[in-house]
Structures are given as structure tokens and as C-alpha cells.
All heavy atoms as atom14 arrays in JSON, in Angstrom:
{
  "sequence": "WDPDAFRKVISEAMQDIAGTGSTVTWVLNNHDQVRTVTRYGEPAT",
  "atom14_mask": [
    [1, 1, 1, 1, 1, 1, 1, 1, 1, 1, 1, 1, 1, 1],
    [1, 1, 1, 1, 1, 1, 1, 1, 0, 0, 0, 0, 0, 0],
    [1, 1, 1, 1, 1, 1, 1, 0, 0, 0, 0, 0, 0, 0],
    [1, 1, 1, 1, 1, 1, 1, 1, 0, 0, 0, 0, 0, 0],
    [1, 1, 1, 1, 1, 0, 0, 0, 0, 0, 0, 0, 0, 0],
    [1, 1, 1, 1, 1, 1, 1, 1, 1, 1, 1, 0, 0, 0],
    [1, 1, 1, 1, 1, 1, 1, 1, 1, 1, 1, 0, 0, 0],
    [1, 1, 1, 1, 1, 1, 1, 1, 1, 0, 0, 0, 0, 0],
    [1, 1, 1, 1, 1, 1, 1, 0, 0, 0, 0, 0, 0, 0],
    [1, 1, 1, 1, 1, 1, 1, 1, 0, 0, 0, 0, 0, 0],
    [1, 1, 1, 1, 1, 1, 0, 0, 0, 0, 0, 0, 0, 0],
    [1, 1, 1, 1, 1, 1, 1, 1, 1, 0, 0, 0, 0, 0],
    [1, 1, 1, 1, 1, 0, 0, 0, 0, 0, 0, 0, 0, 0],
    [1, 1, 1, 1, 1, 1, 1, 1, 0, 0, 0, 0, 0, 0],
    [1, 1, 1, 1, 1, 1, 1, 1, 1, 0, 0, 0, 0, 0],
    [1, 1, 1, 1, 1, 1, 1, 1, 0, 0, 0, 0, 0, 0],
    [1, 1, 1, 1, 1, 1, 1, 1, 0, 0, 0, 0, 0, 0],
    [1, 1, 1, 1, 1, 0, 0, 0, 0, 0, 0, 0, 0, 0],
    [1, 1, 1, 1, 0, 0, 0, 0, 0, 0, 0, 0, 0, 0],
    [1, 1, 1, 1, 1, 1, 1, 0, 0, 0, 0, 0, 0, 0],
    [1, 1, 1, 1, 0, 0, 0, 0, 0, 0, 0, 0, 0, 0],
    [1, 1, 1, 1, 1, 1, 0, 0, 0, 0, 0, 0, 0, 0],
    [1, 1, 1, 1, 1, 1, 1, 0, 0, 0, 0, 0, 0, 0],
    [1, 1, 1, 1, 1, 1, 1, 0, 0, 0, 0, 0, 0, 0],
    [1, 1, 1, 1, 1, 1, 1, 0, 0, 0, 0, 0, 0, 0],
    [1, 1, 1, 1, 1, 1, 1, 1, 1, 1, 1, 1, 1, 1],
    [1, 1, 1, 1, 1, 1, 1, 0, 0, 0, 0, 0, 0, 0],
    [1, 1, 1, 1, 1, 1, 1, 1, 0, 0, 0, 0, 0, 0],
    [1, 1, 1, 1, 1, 1, 1, 1, 0, 0, 0, 0, 0, 0],
    [1, 1, 1, 1, 1, 1, 1, 1, 0, 0, 0, 0, 0, 0],
    [1, 1, 1, 1, 1, 1, 1, 1, 1, 1, 0, 0, 0, 0],
    [1, 1, 1, 1, 1, 1, 1, 1, 0, 0, 0, 0, 0, 0],
    [1, 1, 1, 1, 1, 1, 1, 1, 1, 0, 0, 0, 0, 0],
    [1, 1, 1, 1, 1, 1, 1, 0, 0, 0, 0, 0, 0, 0],
    [1, 1, 1, 1, 1, 1, 1, 1, 1, 1, 1, 0, 0, 0],
    [1, 1, 1, 1, 1, 1, 1, 0, 0, 0, 0, 0, 0, 0],
    [1, 1, 1, 1, 1, 1, 1, 0, 0, 0, 0, 0, 0, 0],
    [1, 1, 1, 1, 1, 1, 1, 0, 0, 0, 0, 0, 0, 0],
    [1, 1, 1, 1, 1, 1, 1, 1, 1, 1, 1, 0, 0, 0],
    [1, 1, 1, 1, 1, 1, 1, 1, 1, 1, 1, 1, 0, 0],
    [1, 1, 1, 1, 0, 0, 0, 0, 0, 0, 0, 0, 0, 0],
    [1, 1, 1, 1, 1, 1, 1, 1, 1, 0, 0, 0, 0, 0],
    [1, 1, 1, 1, 1, 1, 1, 0, 0, 0, 0, 0, 0, 0],
    [1, 1, 1, 1, 1, 0, 0, 0, 0, 0, 0, 0, 0, 0],
    [1, 1, 1, 1, 1, 1, 1, 0, 0, 0, 0, 0, 0, 0]
  ],
  "atom14_positions": [
    [[-4.69, -1.92, 8.21], [-3.85, -1.09, 9.07], [-3.22, -1.98, 10.15], [-3.71, -2.13, 11.26], [-4.67, 0.03, 9.7], [-3.85, 0.97, 10.53], [-3.79, 1.04, 11.89], [-2.96, 1.98, 10.04], [-2.93, 2.01, 12.28], [-2.39, 2.62, 11.17], [-2.58, 2.39, 8.76], [-1.47, 3.65, 11.05], [-1.67, 3.42, 8.65], [-1.12, 4.05, 9.78]],
    [[-2.1, -2.57, 9.79], [-1.44, -3.54, 10.65], [0.04, -3.57, 10.29], [0.39, -3.67, 9.11], [-2.05, -4.93, 10.44], [-1.33, -6.01, 11.21], [-1.61, -6.15, 12.41], [-0.46, -6.69, 10.61], [0.0, 0.0, 0.0], [0.0, 0.0, 0.0], [0.0, 0.0, 0.0], [0.0, 0.0, 0.0], [0.0, 0.0, 0.0], [0.0, 0.0, 0.0]],
    [[0.94, -3.48, 11.25], [2.37, -3.4, 10.91], [2.89, -4.64, 10.21], [3.75, -4.54, 9.32], [3.04, -3.19, 12.27], [2.06, -3.67, 13.29], [0.72, -3.37, 12.71], [0.0, 0.0, 0.0], [0.0, 0.0, 0.0], [0.0, 0.0, 0.0], [0.0, 0.0, 0.0], [0.0, 0.0, 0.0], [0.0, 0.0, 0.0], [0.0, 0.0, 0.0]],
    [[2.41, -5.82, 10.58], [2.88, -7.04, 9.93], [2.44, -7.08, 8.47], [3.21, -7.5, 7.6], [2.36, -8.27, 10.67], [2.95, -8.41, 12.06], [4.07, -7.88, 12.29], [2.3, -9.03, 12.93], [0.0, 0.0, 0.0], [0.0, 0.0, 0.0], [0.0, 0.0, 0.0], [0.0, 0.0, 0.0], [0.0, 0.0, 0.0], [0.0, 0.0, 0.0]],
    [[1.2, -6.63, 8.2], [0.71, -6.63, 6.83], [1.51, -5.63, 5.98], [1.9, -5.93, 4.84], [-0.78, -6.27, 6.81], [0.0, 0.0, 0.0], [0.0, 0.0, 0.0], [0.0, 0.0, 0.0], [0.0, 0.0, 0.0], [0.0, 0.0, 0.0], [0.0, 0.0, 0.0], [0.0, 0.0, 0.0], [0.0, 0.0, 0.0], [0.0, 0.0, 0.0]],
    [[1.76, -4.44, 6.53], [2.54, -3.45, 5.79], [3.96, -3.96, 5.52], [4.48, -3.83, 4.41], [2.59, -2.13, 6.57], [1.47, -1.19, 6.25], [0.14, -1.57, 6.42], [1.72, 0.09, 5.8], [-0.89, -0.7, 6.14], [0.69, 0.98, 5.51], [-0.63, 0.57, 5.68], [0.0, 0.0, 0.0], [0.0, 0.0, 0.0], [0.0, 0.0, 0.0]],
    [[4.58, -4.54, 6.54], [5.95, -5.02, 6.35], [6.0, -6.12, 5.3], [6.93, -6.17, 4.48], [6.52, -5.52, 7.68], [7.94, -6.04, 7.56], [8.62, -6.19, 8.91], [9.96, -6.71, 8.78], [10.9, -6.6, 9.71], [10.63, -5.97, 10.85], [12.12, -7.1, 9.54], [0.0, 0.0, 0.0], [0.0, 0.0, 0.0], [0.0, 0.0, 0.0]],
    [[5.02, -6.99, 5.3], [5.0, -8.1, 4.34], [4.92, -7.59, 2.91], [5.7, -7.99, 2.04], [3.83, -9.04, 4.64], [3.69, -10.22, 3.68], [2.54, -11.13, 4.11], [2.46, -12.36, 3.23], [2.07, -12.04, 1.85], [0.0, 0.0, 0.0], [0.0, 0.0, 0.0], [0.0, 0.0, 0.0], [0.0, 0.0, 0.0], [0.0, 0.0, 0.0]],
    [[3.96, -6.68, 2.62], [3.8, -6.23, 1.24], [4.98, -5.37, 0.79], [5.41, -5.45, -0.37], [2.46, -5.49, 1.03], [1.28, -6.4, 1.35], [2.38, -4.21, 1.83], [0.0, 0.0, 0.0], [0.0, 0.0, 0.0], [0.0, 0.0, 0.0], [0.0, 0.0, 0.0], [0.0, 0.0, 0.0], [0.0, 0.0, 0.0], [0.0, 0.0, 0.0]],
    [[5.54, -4.58, 1.69], [6.71, -3.76, 1.33], [7.9, -4.67, 1.03], [8.62, -4.47, 0.04], [7.02, -2.75, 2.44], [5.9, -1.7, 2.54], [8.37, -2.08, 2.19], [5.99, -0.82, 3.78], [0.0, 0.0, 0.0], [0.0, 0.0, 0.0], [0.0, 0.0, 0.0], [0.0, 0.0, 0.0], [0.0, 0.0, 0.0], [0.0, 0.0, 0.0]],
    [[8.12, -5.67, 1.86], [9.26, -6.57, 1.66], [9.12, -7.34, 0.35], [10.11, -7.51, -0.39], [9.38, -7.54, 2.84], [9.67, -6.86, 4.04], [0.0, 0.0, 0.0], [0.0, 0.0, 0.0], [0.0, 0.0, 0.0], [0.0, 0.0, 0.0], [0.0, 0.0, 0.0], [0.0, 0.0, 0.0], [0.0, 0.0, 0.0], [0.0, 0.0, 0.0]],
    [[7.92, -7.82, 0.06], [7.71, -8.56, -1.19], [7.96, -7.67, -2.4], [8.56, -8.1, -3.39], [6.3, -9.14, -1.23], [6.09, -10.29, -0.26], [4.66, -10.8, -0.26], [3.79, -10.13, -0.86], [4.4, -11.85, 0.35], [0.0, 0.0, 0.0], [0.0, 0.0, 0.0], [0.0, 0.0, 0.0], [0.0, 0.0, 0.0], [0.0, 0.0, 0.0]],
    [[7.49, -6.43, -2.32], [7.71, -5.51, -3.44], [9.19, -5.23, -3.64], [9.69, -5.23, -4.77], [6.95, -4.21, -3.2], [0.0, 0.0, 0.0], [0.0, 0.0, 0.0], [0.0, 0.0, 0.0], [0.0, 0.0, 0.0], [0.0, 0.0, 0.0], [0.0, 0.0, 0.0], [0.0, 0.0, 0.0], [0.0, 0.0, 0.0], [0.0, 0.0, 0.0]],
    [[9.91, -5.0, -2.54], [11.33, -4.7, -2.66], [12.11, -5.9, -3.2], [13.06, -5.75, -3.96], [11.89, -4.29, -1.3], [11.34, -2.97, -0.78], [11.65, -1.58, -1.9], [13.44, -1.59, -1.97], [0.0, 0.0, 0.0], [0.0, 0.0, 0.0], [0.0, 0.0, 0.0], [0.0, 0.0, 0.0], [0.0, 0.0, 0.0], [0.0, 0.0, 0.0]],
    [[11.69, -7.07, -2.85], [12.39, -8.27, -3.31], [12.08, -8.57, -4.77], [12.99, -8.82, -5.58], [11.99, -9.47, -2.45], [12.56, -10.8, -2.95], [12.12, -11.96, -2.09], [12.08, -11.86, -0.86], [11.79, -13.08, -2.71], [0.0, 0.0, 0.0], [0.0, 0.0, 0.0], [0.0, 0.0, 0.0], [0.0, 0.0, 0.0], [0.0, 0.0, 0.0]],
    [[10.8, -8.57, -5.14], [10.4, -9.06, -6.46], [10.4, -7.98, -7.53], [10.78, -8.23, -8.67], [9.01, -9.7, -6.37], [9.0, -10.96, -5.51], [10.02, -11.67, -5.54], [8.01, -11.21, -4.82], [0.0, 0.0, 0.0], [0.0, 0.0, 0.0], [0.0, 0.0, 0.0], [0.0, 0.0, 0.0], [0.0, 0.0, 0.0], [0.0, 0.0, 0.0]],
    [[9.94, -6.78, -7.19], [9.8, -5.73, -8.2], [11.1, -4.96, -8.36], [11.63, -4.83, -9.46], [8.65, -4.78, -7.84], [7.32, -5.57, -7.81], [8.57, -3.64, -8.85], [6.17, -4.79, -7.24], [0.0, 0.0, 0.0], [0.0, 0.0, 0.0], [0.0, 0.0, 0.0], [0.0, 0.0, 0.0], [0.0, 0.0, 0.0], [0.0, 0.0, 0.0]],
    [[11.65, -4.48, -7.25], [12.91, -3.74, -7.35], [14.02, -4.64, -7.89], [14.98, -4.15, -8.49], [13.29, -3.16, -5.99], [0.0, 0.0, 0.0], [0.0, 0.0, 0.0], [0.0, 0.0, 0.0], [0.0, 0.0, 0.0], [0.0, 0.0, 0.0], [0.0, 0.0, 0.0], [0.0, 0.0, 0.0], [0.0, 0.0, 0.0], [0.0, 0.0, 0.0]],
    [[13.88, -5.94, -7.7], [14.88, -6.86, -8.21], [14.95, -6.92, -9.73], [15.92, -7.44, -10.29], [0.0, 0.0, 0.0], [0.0, 0.0, 0.0], [0.0, 0.0, 0.0], [0.0, 0.0, 0.0], [0.0, 0.0, 0.0], [0.0, 0.0, 0.0], [0.0, 0.0, 0.0], [0.0, 0.0, 0.0], [0.0, 0.0, 0.0], [0.0, 0.0, 0.0]],
    [[13.95, -6.38, -10.44], [13.98, -6.38, -11.9], [14.84, -5.25, -12.45], [15.13, -5.21, -13.65], [12.56, -6.19, -12.47], [12.09, -4.88, -12.13], [11.6, -7.25, -11.94], [0.0, 0.0, 0.0], [0.0, 0.0, 0.0], [0.0, 0.0, 0.0], [0.0, 0.0, 0.0], [0.0, 0.0, 0.0], [0.0, 0.0, 0.0], [0.0, 0.0, 0.0]],
    [[15.24, -4.32, -11.6], [15.93, -3.13, -12.07], [15.02, -1.92, -12.14], [15.49, -0.79, -12.32], [0.0, 0.0, 0.0], [0.0, 0.0, 0.0], [0.0, 0.0, 0.0], [0.0, 0.0, 0.0], [0.0, 0.0, 0.0], [0.0, 0.0, 0.0], [0.0, 0.0, 0.0], [0.0, 0.0, 0.0], [0.0, 0.0, 0.0], [0.0, 0.0, 0.0]],
    [[13.71, -2.14, -12.01], [12.76, -1.03, -11.93], [12.71, -0.55, -10.48], [13.48, -1.01, -9.63], [11.38, -1.49, -12.39], [10.45, -0.42, -12.3], [0.0, 0.0, 0.0], [0.0, 0.0, 0.0], [0.0, 0.0, 0.0], [0.0, 0.0, 0.0], [0.0, 0.0, 0.0], [0.0, 0.0, 0.0], [0.0, 0.0, 0.0], [0.0, 0.0, 0.0]],
    [[11.83, 0.38, -10.2], [11.56, 0.78, -8.83], [10.08, 0.55, -8.55], [9.25, 0.53, -9.46], [11.9, 2.26, -8.6], [11.2, 3.06, -9.56], [13.39, 2.5, -8.71], [0.0, 0.0, 0.0], [0.0, 0.0, 0.0], [0.0, 0.0, 0.0], [0.0, 0.0, 0.0], [0.0, 0.0, 0.0], [0.0, 0.0, 0.0], [0.0, 0.0, 0.0]],
    [[9.74, 0.36, -7.29], [8.35, 0.13, -6.92], [7.57, 1.43, -7.07], [8.07, 2.52, -6.8], [8.24, -0.38, -5.47], [6.79, -0.74, -5.15], [9.14, -1.61, -5.27], [0.0, 0.0, 0.0], [0.0, 0.0, 0.0], [0.0, 0.0, 0.0], [0.0, 0.0, 0.0], [0.0, 0.0, 0.0], [0.0, 0.0, 0.0], [0.0, 0.0, 0.0]],
    [[6.32, 1.31, -7.53], [5.44, 2.46, -7.73], [4.32, 2.38, -6.69], [3.39, 1.6, -6.84], [4.88, 2.47, -9.15], [5.96, 2.4, -10.08], [4.06, 3.71, -9.42], [0.0, 0.0, 0.0], [0.0, 0.0, 0.0], [0.0, 0.0, 0.0], [0.0, 0.0, 0.0], [0.0, 0.0, 0.0], [0.0, 0.0, 0.0], [0.0, 0.0, 0.0]],
    [[4.45, 3.19, -5.64], [3.55, 3.09, -4.48], [2.32, 3.97, -4.67], [2.41, 5.08, -5.19], [4.28, 3.52, -3.21], [5.57, 2.82, -2.98], [6.83, 3.3, -3.24], [5.76, 1.5, -2.45], [7.79, 2.38, -2.9], [7.16, 1.26, -2.42], [4.9, 0.51, -2.01], [7.71, 0.07, -1.94], [5.43, -0.69, -1.53], [6.82, -0.9, -1.51]],
    [[1.18, 3.5, -4.22], [-0.06, 4.27, -4.24], [-0.85, 3.98, -2.97], [-0.85, 2.86, -2.47], [-0.94, 3.96, -5.47], [-0.3, 4.49, -6.74], [-1.21, 2.47, -5.6], [0.0, 0.0, 0.0], [0.0, 0.0, 0.0], [0.0, 0.0, 0.0], [0.0, 0.0, 0.0], [0.0, 0.0, 0.0], [0.0, 0.0, 0.0], [0.0, 0.0, 0.0]],
    [[-1.54, 4.98, -2.48], [-2.49, 4.81, -1.38], [-3.92, 5.05, -1.83], [-4.86, 4.72, -1.11], [-2.16, 5.75, -0.22], [-0.92, 5.41, 0.61], [-0.64, 6.52, 1.59], [-1.1, 4.07, 1.33], [0.0, 0.0, 0.0], [0.0, 0.0, 0.0], [0.0, 0.0, 0.0], [0.0, 0.0, 0.0], [0.0, 0.0, 0.0], [0.0, 0.0, 0.0]],
    [[-4.08, 5.64, -3.03], [-5.44, 5.91, -3.49], [-5.44, 6.24, -4.96], [-4.41, 6.54, -5.55], [-6.07, 7.06, -2.7], [-7.55, 6.85, -2.49], [-8.29, 6.71, -3.45], [-7.98, 6.81, -1.26], [0.0, 0.0, 0.0], [0.0, 0.0, 0.0], [0.0, 0.0, 0.0], [0.0, 0.0, 0.0], [0.0, 0.0, 0.0], [0.0, 0.0, 0.0]],
    [[-6.65, 6.21, -5.57], [-6.86, 6.7, -6.93], [-8.36, 6.91, -7.11], [-9.14, 6.83, -6.15], [-6.28, 5.73, -7.98], [-6.89, 4.34, -7.93], [-8.09, 4.18, -7.71], [-6.07, 3.32, -8.13], [0.0, 0.0, 0.0], [0.0, 0.0, 0.0], [0.0, 0.0, 0.0], [0.0, 0.0, 0.0], [0.0, 0.0, 0.0], [0.0, 0.0, 0.0]],
    [[-8.78, 7.16, -8.34], [-10.16, 7.51, -8.64], [-11.13, 6.34, -8.53], [-12.34, 6.53, -8.7], [-10.24, 8.09, -10.05], [-9.84, 7.11, -11.11], [-8.56, 6.65, -11.26], [-10.57, 6.49, -12.08], [-8.52, 5.79, -12.26], [-9.71, 5.68, -12.77], [0.0, 0.0, 0.0], [0.0, 0.0, 0.0], [0.0, 0.0, 0.0], [0.0, 0.0, 0.0]],
    [[-10.63, 5.15, -8.25], [-11.48, 3.96, -8.12], [-11.61, 3.47, -6.69], [-12.27, 2.45, -6.45], [-10.9, 2.8, -8.97], [-11.05, 3.03, -10.46], [-12.01, 3.69, -10.87], [-10.19, 2.54, -11.22], [0.0, 0.0, 0.0], [0.0, 0.0, 0.0], [0.0, 0.0, 0.0], [0.0, 0.0, 0.0], [0.0, 0.0, 0.0], [0.0, 0.0, 0.0]],
    [[-11.0, 4.15, -5.73], [-10.91, 3.64, -4.37], [-11.56, 4.58, -3.37], [-11.62, 5.79, -3.58], [-9.43, 3.45, -3.98], [-8.64, 2.57, -4.93], [-9.11, 1.13, -4.93], [-9.6, 0.63, -3.92], [-8.94, 0.44, -6.05], [0.0, 0.0, 0.0], [0.0, 0.0, 0.0], [0.0, 0.0, 0.0], [0.0, 0.0, 0.0], [0.0, 0.0, 0.0]],
    [[-12.01, 4.01, -2.25], [-12.49, 4.82, -1.14], [-11.32, 5.66, -0.62], [-10.19, 5.18, -0.48], [-13.03, 3.92, -0.01], [-13.38, 4.74, 1.23], [-14.25, 3.14, -0.51], [0.0, 0.0, 0.0], [0.0, 0.0, 0.0], [0.0, 0.0, 0.0], [0.0, 0.0, 0.0], [0.0, 0.0, 0.0], [0.0, 0.0, 0.0], [0.0, 0.0, 0.0]],
    [[-11.58, 6.92, -0.35], [-10.51, 7.82, 0.08], [-9.84, 7.29, 1.36], [-10.47, 6.67, 2.21], [-11.04, 9.23, 0.29], [-11.25, 9.97, -1.04], [-11.27, 11.46, -0.83], [-11.39, 12.21, -2.08], [-10.36, 12.59, -2.83], [-9.13, 12.27, -2.45], [-10.55, 13.28, -3.94], [0.0, 0.0, 0.0], [0.0, 0.0, 0.0], [0.0, 0.0, 0.0]],
    [[-8.54, 7.6, 1.48], [-7.72, 7.0, 2.51], [-8.23, 7.32, 3.91], [-8.26, 6.45, 4.78], [-6.26, 7.47, 2.36], [-5.87, 7.33, 1.0], [-5.34, 6.65, 3.22], [0.0, 0.0, 0.0], [0.0, 0.0, 0.0], [0.0, 0.0, 0.0], [0.0, 0.0, 0.0], [0.0, 0.0, 0.0], [0.0, 0.0, 0.0], [0.0, 0.0, 0.0]],
    [[-8.61, 8.56, 4.15], [-9.09, 8.95, 5.48], [-10.27, 8.08, 5.91], [-10.33, 7.61, 7.05], [-9.49, 10.44, 5.48], [-10.35, 10.78, 6.69], [-8.25, 11.32, 5.46], [0.0, 0.0, 0.0], [0.0, 0.0, 0.0], [0.0, 0.0, 0.0], [0.0, 0.0, 0.0], [0.0, 0.0, 0.0], [0.0, 0.0, 0.0], [0.0, 0.0, 0.0]],
    [[-11.19, 7.84, 4.99], [-12.36, 7.04, 5.31], [-12.02, 5.56, 5.38], [-12.51, 4.84, 6.25], [-13.46, 7.28, 4.26], [-13.77, 8.68, 4.24], [-14.72, 6.49, 4.57], [0.0, 0.0, 0.0], [0.0, 0.0, 0.0], [0.0, 0.0, 0.0], [0.0, 0.0, 0.0], [0.0, 0.0, 0.0], [0.0, 0.0, 0.0], [0.0, 0.0, 0.0]],
    [[-11.15, 5.1, 4.49], [-10.8, 3.68, 4.47], [-10.11, 3.27, 5.77], [-10.29, 2.16, 6.27], [-9.88, 3.41, 3.28], [-9.74, 1.95, 2.91], [-8.99, 1.75, 1.62], [-7.56, 2.05, 1.73], [-6.94, 3.02, 1.09], [-7.6, 3.83, 0.27], [-5.64, 3.22, 1.24], [0.0, 0.0, 0.0], [0.0, 0.0, 0.0], [0.0, 0.0, 0.0]],
    [[-9.33, 4.17, 6.35], [-8.62, 3.85, 7.58], [-9.43, 4.17, 8.84], [-8.98, 3.86, 9.95], [-7.3, 4.63, 7.65], [-6.21, 4.12, 6.74], [-5.27, 5.0, 6.23], [-6.1, 2.77, 6.41], [-4.24, 4.55, 5.4], [-5.09, 2.32, 5.58], [-4.16, 3.21, 5.08], [-3.15, 2.77, 4.26], [0.0, 0.0, 0.0], [0.0, 0.0, 0.0]],
    [[-10.57, 4.81, 8.69], [-11.37, 5.19, 9.85], [-12.34, 4.11, 10.24], [-12.76, 3.27, 9.44], [0.0, 0.0, 0.0], [0.0, 0.0, 0.0], [0.0, 0.0, 0.0], [0.0, 0.0, 0.0], [0.0, 0.0, 0.0], [0.0, 0.0, 0.0], [0.0, 0.0, 0.0], [0.0, 0.0, 0.0], [0.0, 0.0, 0.0], [0.0, 0.0, 0.0]],
    [[-12.79, 4.11, 11.49], [-13.71, 3.09, 12.0], [-14.85, 3.7, 12.81], [-14.88, 3.57, 14.04], [-12.94, 2.09, 12.87], [-11.86, 1.34, 12.16], [-12.38, 0.36, 11.14], [-13.58, -0.01, 11.21], [-11.61, -0.06, 10.28], [0.0, 0.0, 0.0], [0.0, 0.0, 0.0], [0.0, 0.0, 0.0], [0.0, 0.0, 0.0], [0.0, 0.0, 0.0]],
    [[-15.87, 4.32, 12.21], [-15.92, 4.75, 10.82], [-15.42, 6.19, 10.72], [-15.09, 6.8, 11.73], [-17.41, 4.68, 10.52], [-18.04, 5.08, 11.82], [-17.12, 4.57, 12.92], [0.0, 0.0, 0.0], [0.0, 0.0, 0.0], [0.0, 0.0, 0.0], [0.0, 0.0, 0.0], [0.0, 0.0, 0.0], [0.0, 0.0, 0.0], [0.0, 0.0, 0.0]],
    [[-15.39, 6.73, 9.5], [-15.06, 8.15, 9.33], [-15.9, 8.69, 8.19], [-15.79, 8.24, 7.07], [-13.58, 8.32, 9.0], [0.0, 0.0, 0.0], [0.0, 0.0, 0.0], [0.0, 0.0, 0.0], [0.0, 0.0, 0.0], [0.0, 0.0, 0.0], [0.0, 0.0, 0.0], [0.0, 0.0, 0.0], [0.0, 0.0, 0.0], [0.0, 0.0, 0.0]],
    [[-16.78, 9.63, 8.48], [-17.59, 10.23, 7.43], [-17.15, 11.65, 7.12], [-17.45, 12.17, 6.05], [-19.07, 10.26, 7.84], [-19.2, 10.99, 9.07], [-19.6, 8.86, 8.01], [0.0, 0.0, 0.0], [0.0, 0.0, 0.0], [0.0, 0.0, 0.0], [0.0, 0.0, 0.0], [0.0, 0.0, 0.0], [0.0, 0.0, 0.0], [0.0, 0.0, 0.0]]
  ]
}
């Protein structure tokens, strides 16, 4: 959770992935990951 980190990964995706003619496929969670509310909390139960 850091603006520089978010900007870096978004910019890289837009440059490298969108440049292929596809579009970026964004995700914040799935069935293999800690849920977003808890992952971003310090702590959150």
C-alpha cells in the first residue's frame, strides 16, 4: 500500500502489456490469496 509502488506496476503494465494490443487484466484477489480487507489492514481480523 504505497503510491510509488502502485504507480510503478500500473505504468509497467500499460507500457508492456497494453502495448501488445491486448488490455491489462487487473485483479485484487482470488481464491488463493488473503482477502483484500485483511491484506491491507495492520492488522484486520
